[in-house]
Amino acid sequence: MGTIETLAAKLAEDTLAVMDATGDDRLFVEVGGVLATASQSLEEAYLTEIRVRLAERTARRFLARRAADAKARAEAKPDAPPRPRE
């Protein structure tokens, strides 16, 4: 990983930590704006890192909901043998 990618990844992690602590879900946009004035390359790498991490969080929440739904359905079913398929 190059310098820009390393810096962008660390900055994204730090930004998400502050976003979680403060509840400011648009902070990354402001940080991106600050970066844009100094380094377009770092800004682009940073925004990519943010998007990837936010997408991963969304996917994990989706999977957690699906797993919880499946568990709830399994627990709600009586212990009857499965019906044969027609």
PDB file of N, CA and C in Angstrom:
ATOM      1  N   MET A   1       0.859  -1.171   0.000  1.00  0.00           N
ATOM      2  CA  MET A   1       0.000   0.000   0.000  1.00  0.00           C
ATOM      3  C   MET A   1       0.902   1.230   0.000  1.00  0.00           C
ATOM      4  N   GLY A   2       0.549   2.189  -0.846  1.00  0.00           N
ATOM      5  CA  GLY A   2       1.333   3.409  -0.949  1.00  0.00           C
ATOM      6  C   GLY A   2       1.011   4.393   0.158  1.00  0.00           C
ATOM      7  N   THR A   3       1.766   5.463   0.170  1.00  0.00           N
ATOM      8  CA  THR A   3       1.605   6.488   1.205  1.00  0.00           C
ATOM      9  C   THR A   3       0.201   7.074   1.203  1.00  0.00           C
ATOM     10  N   ILE A   4      -0.304   7.413   0.027  1.00  0.00           N
ATOM     11  CA  ILE A   4      -1.635   8.029  -0.047  1.00  0.00           C
ATOM     12  C   ILE A   4      -2.701   7.077   0.475  1.00  0.00           C
ATOM     13  N   GLU A   5      -2.631   5.819   0.052  1.00  0.00           N
ATOM     14  CA  GLU A   5      -3.621   4.844   0.499  1.00  0.00           C
ATOM     15  C   GLU A   5      -3.536   4.609   2.005  1.00  0.00           C
ATOM     16  N   THR A   6      -2.325   4.555   2.519  1.00  0.00           N
ATOM     17  CA  THR A   6      -2.134   4.355   3.956  1.00  0.00           C
ATOM     18  C   THR A   6      -2.710   5.523   4.747  1.00  0.00           C
ATOM     19  N   LEU A   7      -2.390   6.734   4.316  1.00  0.00           N
ATOM     20  CA  LEU A   7      -2.910   7.921   4.998  1.00  0.00           C
ATOM     21  C   LEU A   7      -4.429   8.000   4.890  1.00  0.00           C
ATOM     22  N   ALA A   8      -4.956   7.712   3.708  1.00  0.00           N
ATOM     23  CA  ALA A   8      -6.406   7.764   3.500  1.00  0.00           C
ATOM     24  C   ALA A   8      -7.123   6.744   4.374  1.00  0.00           C
ATOM     25  N   ALA A   9      -6.573   5.538   4.467  1.00  0.00           N
ATOM     26  CA  ALA A   9      -7.194   4.489   5.282  1.00  0.00           C
ATOM     27  C   ALA A   9      -7.219   4.888   6.755  1.00  0.00           C
ATOM     28  N   LYS A  10      -6.118   5.401   7.259  1.00  0.00           N
ATOM     29  CA  LYS A  10      -6.052   5.807   8.666  1.00  0.00           C
ATOM     30  C   LYS A  10      -6.983   6.982   8.941  1.00  0.00           C
ATOM     31  N   LEU A  11      -7.000   7.948   8.037  1.00  0.00           N
ATOM     32  CA  LEU A  11      -7.882   9.099   8.202  1.00  0.00           C
ATOM     33  C   LEU A  11      -9.349   8.671   8.161  1.00  0.00           C
ATOM     34  N   ALA A  12      -9.680   7.735   7.297  1.00  0.00           N
ATOM     35  CA  ALA A  12     -11.054   7.229   7.229  1.00  0.00           C
ATOM     36  C   ALA A  12     -11.439   6.539   8.535  1.00  0.00           C
ATOM     37  N   GLU A  13     -10.548   5.711   9.066  1.00  0.00           N
ATOM     38  CA  GLU A  13     -10.819   5.043  10.344  1.00  0.00           C
ATOM     39  C   GLU A  13     -11.036   6.063  11.455  1.00  0.00           C
ATOM     40  N   ASP A  14     -10.174   7.065  11.507  1.00  0.00           N
ATOM     41  CA  ASP A  14     -10.293   8.097  12.541  1.00  0.00           C
ATOM     42  C   ASP A  14     -11.584   8.897  12.379  1.00  0.00           C
ATOM     43  N   THR A  15     -11.920   9.230  11.147  1.00  0.00           N
ATOM     44  CA  THR A  15     -13.143   9.991  10.884  1.00  0.00           C
ATOM     45  C   THR A  15     -14.368   9.199  11.307  1.00  0.00           C
ATOM     46  N   LEU A  16     -14.413   7.920  10.955  1.00  0.00           N
ATOM     47  CA  LEU A  16     -15.560   7.095  11.331  1.00  0.00           C
ATOM     48  C   LEU A  16     -15.677   6.965  12.847  1.00  0.00           C
ATOM     49  N   ALA A  17     -14.558   6.906  13.536  1.00  0.00           N
ATOM     50  CA  ALA A  17     -14.588   6.846  15.001  1.00  0.00           C
ATOM     51  C   ALA A  17     -15.207   8.119  15.579  1.00  0.00           C
ATOM     52  N   VAL A  18     -14.829   9.275  15.035  1.00  0.00           N
ATOM     53  CA  VAL A  18     -15.402  10.541  15.506  1.00  0.00           C
ATOM     54  C   VAL A  18     -16.881  10.620  15.122  1.00  0.00           C
ATOM     55  N   MET A  19     -17.218  10.166  13.928  1.00  0.00           N
ATOM     56  CA  MET A  19     -18.622  10.152  13.510  1.00  0.00           C
ATOM     57  C   MET A  19     -19.454   9.306  14.463  1.00  0.00           C
ATOM     58  N   ASP A  20     -18.944   8.141  14.838  1.00  0.00           N
ATOM     59  CA  ASP A  20     -19.658   7.272  15.773  1.00  0.00           C
ATOM     60  C   ASP A  20     -19.802   7.937  17.139  1.00  0.00           C
ATOM     61  N   ALA A  21     -18.756   8.597  17.588  1.00  0.00           N
ATOM     62  CA  ALA A  21     -18.768   9.226  18.913  1.00  0.00           C
ATOM     63  C   ALA A  21     -19.688  10.439  18.975  1.00  0.00           C
ATOM     64  N   THR A  22     -19.763  11.188  17.869  1.00  0.00           N
ATOM     65  CA  THR A  22     -20.533  12.436  17.871  1.00  0.00           C
ATOM     66  C   THR A  22     -21.917  12.313  17.251  1.00  0.00           C
ATOM     67  N   GLY A  23     -22.131  11.268  16.454  1.00  0.00           N
ATOM     68  CA  GLY A  23     -23.397  11.131  15.741  1.00  0.00           C
ATOM     69  C   GLY A  23     -23.473  11.990  14.493  1.00  0.00           C
ATOM     70  N   ASP A  24     -22.385  12.625  14.134  1.00  0.00           N
ATOM     71  CA  ASP A  24     -22.333  13.486  12.943  1.00  0.00           C
ATOM     72  C   ASP A  24     -22.038  12.616  11.724  1.00  0.00           C
ATOM     73  N   ASP A  25     -23.111  12.180  11.051  1.00  0.00           N
ATOM     74  CA  ASP A  25     -22.930  11.237   9.948  1.00  0.00           C
ATOM     75  C   ASP A  25     -22.466  11.882   8.645  1.00  0.00           C
ATOM     76  N   ARG A  26     -22.262  13.177   8.631  1.00  0.00           N
ATOM     77  CA  ARG A  26     -21.767  13.866   7.428  1.00  0.00           C
ATOM     78  C   ARG A  26     -20.377  14.469   7.642  1.00  0.00           C
ATOM     79  N   LEU A  27     -19.752  14.162   8.737  1.00  0.00           N
ATOM     80  CA  LEU A  27     -18.423  14.700   9.026  1.00  0.00           C
ATOM     81  C   LEU A  27     -17.437  14.370   7.917  1.00  0.00           C
ATOM     82  N   PHE A  28     -17.549  13.180   7.341  1.00  0.00           N
ATOM     83  CA  PHE A  28     -16.602  12.787   6.298  1.00  0.00           C
ATOM     84  C   PHE A  28     -16.637  13.738   5.107  1.00  0.00           C
ATOM     85  N   VAL A  29     -17.790  14.354   4.841  1.00  0.00           N
ATOM     86  CA  VAL A  29     -17.900  15.311   3.739  1.00  0.00           C
ATOM     87  C   VAL A  29     -17.062  16.549   4.051  1.00  0.00           C
ATOM     88  N   GLU A  30     -17.143  17.008   5.284  1.00  0.00           N
ATOM     89  CA  GLU A  30     -16.351  18.173   5.685  1.00  0.00           C
ATOM     90  C   GLU A  30     -14.856  17.880   5.616  1.00  0.00           C
ATOM     91  N   VAL A  31     -14.460  16.702   6.100  1.00  0.00           N
ATOM     92  CA  VAL A  31     -13.045  16.322   6.041  1.00  0.00           C
ATOM     93  C   VAL A  31     -12.604  16.232   4.585  1.00  0.00           C
ATOM     94  N   GLY A  32     -13.448  15.676   3.736  1.00  0.00           N
ATOM     95  CA  GLY A  32     -13.136  15.611   2.307  1.00  0.00           C
ATOM     96  C   GLY A  32     -12.933  16.992   1.716  1.00  0.00           C
ATOM     97  N   GLY A  33     -13.742  17.949   2.147  1.00  0.00           N
ATOM     98  CA  GLY A  33     -13.590  19.319   1.672  1.00  0.00           C
ATOM     99  C   GLY A  33     -12.267  19.934   2.082  1.00  0.00           C
ATOM    100  N   VAL A  34     -11.856  19.652   3.302  1.00  0.00           N
ATOM    101  CA  VAL A  34     -10.554  20.141   3.768  1.00  0.00           C
ATOM    102  C   VAL A  34      -9.446  19.530   2.920  1.00  0.00           C
ATOM    103  N   LEU A  35      -9.548  18.238   2.667  1.00  0.00           N
ATOM    104  CA  LEU A  35      -8.535  17.564   1.848  1.00  0.00           C
ATOM    105  C   LEU A  35      -8.505  18.104   0.424  1.00  0.00           C
ATOM    106  N   ALA A  36      -9.668  18.433  -0.117  1.00  0.00           N
ATOM    107  CA  ALA A  36      -9.754  18.906  -1.505  1.00  0.00           C
ATOM    108  C   ALA A  36      -8.937  20.169  -1.725  1.00  0.00           C
ATOM    109  N   THR A  37      -8.834  20.990  -0.710  1.00  0.00           N
ATOM    110  CA  THR A  37      -8.065  22.228  -0.864  1.00  0.00           C
ATOM    111  C   THR A  37      -6.564  21.984  -0.858  1.00  0.00           C
ATOM    112  N   ALA A  38      -6.150  20.822  -0.350  1.00  0.00           N
ATOM    113  CA  ALA A  38      -4.717  20.549  -0.230  1.00  0.00           C
ATOM    114  C   ALA A  38      -4.218  19.472  -1.181  1.00  0.00           C
ATOM    115  N   SER A  39      -5.015  18.414  -1.373  1.00  0.00           N
ATOM    116  CA  SER A  39      -4.551  17.293  -2.189  1.00  0.00           C
ATOM    117  C   SER A  39      -5.733  16.530  -2.765  1.00  0.00           C
ATOM    118  N   GLN A  40      -5.958  16.707  -4.051  1.00  0.00           N
ATOM    119  CA  GLN A  40      -7.051  16.000  -4.711  1.00  0.00           C
ATOM    120  C   GLN A  40      -6.823  14.490  -4.666  1.00  0.00           C
ATOM    121  N   SER A  41      -5.589  14.064  -4.791  1.00  0.00           N
ATOM    122  CA  SER A  41      -5.280  12.631  -4.754  1.00  0.00           C
ATOM    123  C   SER A  41      -5.642  12.020  -3.407  1.00  0.00           C
ATOM    124  N   LEU A  42      -5.280  12.700  -2.331  1.00  0.00           N
ATOM    125  CA  LEU A  42      -5.608  12.192  -1.003  1.00  0.00           C
ATOM    126  C   LEU A  42      -7.113  12.257  -0.764  1.00  0.00           C
ATOM    127  N   GLU A  43      -7.749  13.307  -1.243  1.00  0.00           N
ATOM    128  CA  GLU A  43      -9.203  13.419  -1.094  1.00  0.00           C
ATOM    129  C   GLU A  43      -9.895  12.233  -1.759  1.00  0.00           C
ATOM    130  N   GLU A  44      -9.521  11.913  -2.985  1.00  0.00           N
ATOM    131  CA  GLU A  44     -10.157  10.806  -3.706  1.00  0.00           C
ATOM    132  C   GLU A  44      -9.924   9.474  -3.001  1.00  0.00           C
ATOM    133  N   ALA A  45      -8.702   9.246  -2.548  1.00  0.00           N
ATOM    134  CA  ALA A  45      -8.397   7.998  -1.836  1.00  0.00           C
ATOM    135  C   ALA A  45      -9.178   7.921  -0.523  1.00  0.00           C
ATOM    136  N   TYR A  46      -9.264   9.037   0.179  1.00  0.00           N
ATOM    137  CA  TYR A  46      -9.997   9.099   1.447  1.00  0.00           C
ATOM    138  C   TYR A  46     -11.480   8.805   1.236  1.00  0.00           C
ATOM    139  N   LEU A  47     -12.084   9.459   0.247  1.00  0.00           N
ATOM    140  CA  LEU A  47     -13.510   9.242   0.000  1.00  0.00           C
ATOM    141  C   LEU A  47     -13.786   7.797  -0.416  1.00  0.00           C
ATOM    142  N   THR A  48     -12.870   7.199  -1.162  1.00  0.00           N
ATOM    143  CA  THR A  48     -13.014   5.787  -1.512  1.00  0.00           C
ATOM    144  C   THR A  48     -12.976   4.927  -0.253  1.00  0.00           C
ATOM    145  N   GLU A  49     -12.029   5.199   0.633  1.00  0.00           N
ATOM    146  CA  GLU A  49     -11.928   4.445   1.888  1.00  0.00           C
ATOM    147  C   GLU A  49     -13.192   4.605   2.727  1.00  0.00           C
ATOM    148  N   ILE A  50     -13.723   5.806   2.793  1.00  0.00           N
ATOM    149  CA  ILE A  50     -14.959   6.055   3.543  1.00  0.00           C
ATOM    150  C   ILE A  50     -16.113   5.273   2.929  1.00  0.00           C
ATOM    151  N   ARG A  51     -16.284   5.381   1.604  1.00  0.00           N
ATOM    152  CA  ARG A  51     -17.395   4.683   0.938  1.00  0.00           C
ATOM    153  C   ARG A  51     -17.322   3.180   1.165  1.00  0.00           C
ATOM    154  N   VAL A  52     -16.132   2.626   1.047  1.00  0.00           N
ATOM    155  CA  VAL A  52     -15.967   1.184   1.236  1.00  0.00           C
ATOM    156  C   VAL A  52     -16.348   0.789   2.661  1.00  0.00           C
ATOM    157  N   ARG A  53     -15.903   1.543   3.632  1.00  0.00           N
ATOM    158  CA  ARG A  53     -16.199   1.214   5.028  1.00  0.00           C
ATOM    159  C   ARG A  53     -17.682   1.398   5.354  1.00  0.00           C
ATOM    160  N   LEU A  54     -18.293   2.453   4.832  1.00  0.00           N
ATOM    161  CA  LEU A  54     -19.725   2.651   5.064  1.00  0.00           C
ATOM    162  C   LEU A  54     -20.544   1.555   4.386  1.00  0.00           C
ATOM    163  N   ALA A  55     -20.144   1.159   3.187  1.00  0.00           N
ATOM    164  CA  ALA A  55     -20.833   0.071   2.488  1.00  0.00           C
ATOM    165  C   ALA A  55     -20.706  -1.231   3.270  1.00  0.00           C
ATOM    166  N   GLU A  56     -19.533  -1.486   3.806  1.00  0.00           N
ATOM    167  CA  GLU A  56     -19.322  -2.706   4.591  1.00  0.00           C
ATOM    168  C   GLU A  56     -20.192  -2.701   5.843  1.00  0.00           C
ATOM    169  N   ARG A  57     -20.316  -1.557   6.496  1.00  0.00           N
ATOM    170  CA  ARG A  57     -21.184  -1.452   7.674  1.00  0.00           C
ATOM    171  C   ARG A  57     -22.634  -1.750   7.302  1.00  0.00           C
ATOM    172  N   THR A  58     -23.074  -1.189   6.183  1.00  0.00           N
ATOM    173  CA  THR A  58     -24.441  -1.412   5.733  1.00  0.00           C
ATOM    174  C   THR A  58     -24.683  -2.886   5.450  1.00  0.00           C
ATOM    175  N   ALA A  59     -23.748  -3.515   4.778  1.00  0.00           N
ATOM    176  CA  ALA A  59     -23.880  -4.938   4.465  1.00  0.00           C
ATOM    177  C   ALA A  59     -23.894  -5.781   5.734  1.00  0.00           C
ATOM    178  N   ARG A  60     -23.073  -5.436   6.707  1.00  0.00           N
ATOM    179  CA  ARG A  60     -23.048  -6.199   7.962  1.00  0.00           C
ATOM    180  C   ARG A  60     -24.359  -6.048   8.738  1.00  0.00           C
ATOM    181  N   ARG A  61     -24.942  -4.847   8.736  1.00  0.00           N
ATOM    182  CA  ARG A  61     -26.245  -4.657   9.385  1.00  0.00           C
ATOM    183  C   ARG A  61     -27.311  -5.497   8.690  1.00  0.00           C
ATOM    184  N   PHE A  62     -27.274  -5.518   7.358  1.00  0.00           N
ATOM    185  CA  PHE A  62     -28.213  -6.324   6.584  1.00  0.00           C
ATOM    186  C   PHE A  62     -28.077  -7.800   6.956  1.00  0.00           C
ATOM    187  N   LEU A  63     -26.845  -8.304   6.982  1.00  0.00           N
ATOM    188  CA  LEU A  63     -26.619  -9.706   7.330  1.00  0.00           C
ATOM    189  C   LEU A  63     -27.068 -10.012   8.757  1.00  0.00           C
ATOM    190  N   ALA A  64     -26.818  -9.103   9.668  1.00  0.00           N
ATOM    191  CA  ALA A  64     -27.233  -9.310  11.059  1.00  0.00           C
ATOM    192  C   ALA A  64     -28.751  -9.392  11.159  1.00  0.00           C
ATOM    193  N   ARG A  65     -29.464  -8.529  10.425  1.00  0.00           N
ATOM    194  CA  ARG A  65     -30.930  -8.577  10.420  1.00  0.00           C
ATOM    195  C   ARG A  65     -31.420  -9.894   9.841  1.00  0.00           C
ATOM    196  N   ARG A  66     -30.818 -10.316   8.735  1.00  0.00           N
ATOM    197  CA  ARG A  66     -31.212 -11.582   8.112  1.00  0.00           C
ATOM    198  C   ARG A  66     -30.983 -12.750   9.060  1.00  0.00           C
ATOM    199  N   ALA A  67     -29.846 -12.768   9.725  1.00  0.00           N
ATOM    200  CA  ALA A  67     -29.544 -13.848  10.659  1.00  0.00           C
ATOM    201  C   ALA A  67     -30.527 -13.841  11.832  1.00  0.00           C
ATOM    202  N   ALA A  68     -30.840 -12.658  12.347  1.00  0.00           N
ATOM    203  CA  ALA A  68     -31.792 -12.549  13.455  1.00  0.00           C
ATOM    204  C   ALA A  68     -33.178 -13.004  13.020  1.00  0.00           C
ATOM    205  N   ASP A  69     -33.591 -12.623  11.812  1.00  0.00           N
ATOM    206  CA  ASP A  69     -34.892 -13.058  11.294  1.00  0.00           C
ATOM    207  C   ASP A  69     -34.944 -14.573  11.151  1.00  0.00           C
ATOM    208  N   ALA A  70     -33.896 -15.154  10.618  1.00  0.00           N
ATOM    209  CA  ALA A  70     -33.852 -16.606  10.436  1.00  0.00           C
ATOM    210  C   ALA A  70     -33.896 -17.317  11.788  1.00  0.00           C
ATOM    211  N   LYS A  71     -33.181 -16.780  12.760  1.00  0.00           N
ATOM    212  CA  LYS A  71     -33.177 -17.376  14.096  1.00  0.00           C
ATOM    213  C   LYS A  71     -34.562 -17.285  14.722  1.00  0.00           C
ATOM    214  N   ALA A  72     -35.209 -16.134  14.573  1.00  0.00           N
ATOM    215  CA  ALA A  72     -36.549 -15.950  15.136  1.00  0.00           C
ATOM    216  C   ALA A  72     -37.544 -16.906  14.487  1.00  0.00           C
ATOM    217  N   ARG A  73     -37.445 -17.074  13.173  1.00  0.00           N
ATOM    218  CA  ARG A  73     -38.345 -18.011  12.485  1.00  0.00           C
ATOM    219  C   ARG A  73     -38.095 -19.437  12.956  1.00  0.00           C
ATOM    220  N   ALA A  74     -36.840 -19.799  13.110  1.00  0.00           N
ATOM    221  CA  ALA A  74     -36.503 -21.156  13.549  1.00  0.00           C
ATOM    222  C   ALA A  74     -37.001 -21.412  14.968  1.00  0.00           C
ATOM    223  N   GLU A  75     -36.901 -20.419  15.825  1.00  0.00           N
ATOM    224  CA  GLU A  75     -37.351 -20.577  17.213  1.00  0.00           C
ATOM    225  C   GLU A  75     -38.869 -20.575  17.317  1.00  0.00           C
ATOM    226  N   ALA A  76     -39.552 -19.941  16.373  1.00  0.00           N
ATOM    227  CA  ALA A  76     -41.008 -19.858  16.404  1.00  0.00           C
ATOM    228  C   ALA A  76     -41.672 -21.127  15.884  1.00  0.00           C
ATOM    229  N   LYS A  77     -40.959 -21.925  15.123  1.00  0.00           N
ATOM    230  CA  LYS A  77     -41.532 -23.149  14.563  1.00  0.00           C
ATOM    231  C   LYS A  77     -41.590 -24.230  15.632  1.00  0.00           C
ATOM    232  N   PRO A  78     -42.712 -24.972  15.658  1.00  0.00           N
ATOM    233  CA  PRO A  78     -42.762 -26.115  16.577  1.00  0.00           C
ATOM    234  C   PRO A  78     -41.811 -27.206  16.087  1.00  0.00           C
ATOM    235  N   ASP A  79     -41.482 -28.110  16.973  1.00  0.00           N
ATOM    236  CA  ASP A  79     -40.561 -29.192  16.631  1.00  0.00           C
ATOM    237  C   ASP A  79     -41.279 -30.302  15.872  1.00  0.00           C
ATOM    238  N   ALA A  80     -41.872 -29.959  14.784  1.00  0.00           N
ATOM    239  CA  ALA A  80     -42.562 -30.942  13.945  1.00  0.00           C
ATOM    240  C   ALA A  80     -41.635 -31.359  12.822  1.00  0.00           C
ATOM    241  N   PRO A  81     -41.796 -32.595  12.361  1.00  0.00           N
ATOM    242  CA  PRO A  81     -40.956 -33.020  11.240  1.00  0.00           C
ATOM    243  C   PRO A  81     -41.293 -32.211   9.995  1.00  0.00           C
ATOM    244  N   PRO A  82     -40.339 -32.018   9.121  1.00  0.00           N
ATOM    245  CA  PRO A  82     -40.613 -31.247   7.906  1.00  0.00           C
ATOM    246  C   PRO A  82     -41.626 -31.962   7.022  1.00  0.00           C
ATOM    247  N   ARG A  83     -42.461 -31.167   6.377  1.00  0.00           N
ATOM    248  CA  ARG A  83     -43.458 -31.733   5.471  1.00  0.00           C
ATOM    249  C   ARG A  83     -42.805 -32.096   4.152  1.00  0.00           C
ATOM    250  N   PRO A  84     -43.251 -33.187   3.560  1.00  0.00           N
ATOM    251  CA  PRO A  84     -42.682 -33.556   2.254  1.00  0.00           C
ATOM    252  C   PRO A  84     -43.098 -32.553   1.193  1.00  0.00           C
ATOM    253  N   ARG A  85     -42.231 -32.362   0.245  1.00  0.00           N
ATOM    254  CA  ARG A  85     -42.547 -31.455  -0.867  1.00  0.00           C
ATOM    255  C   ARG A  85     -43.491 -32.141  -1.833  1.00  0.00           C
ATOM    256  N   GLU A  86     -44.361 -31.368  -2.401  1.00  0.00           N
ATOM    257  CA  GLU A  86     -45.310 -31.919  -3.375  1.00  0.00           C
ATOM    258  C   GLU A  86     -44.775 -31.797  -4.764  1.00  0.00           C
TER     259      GLU A  86
END
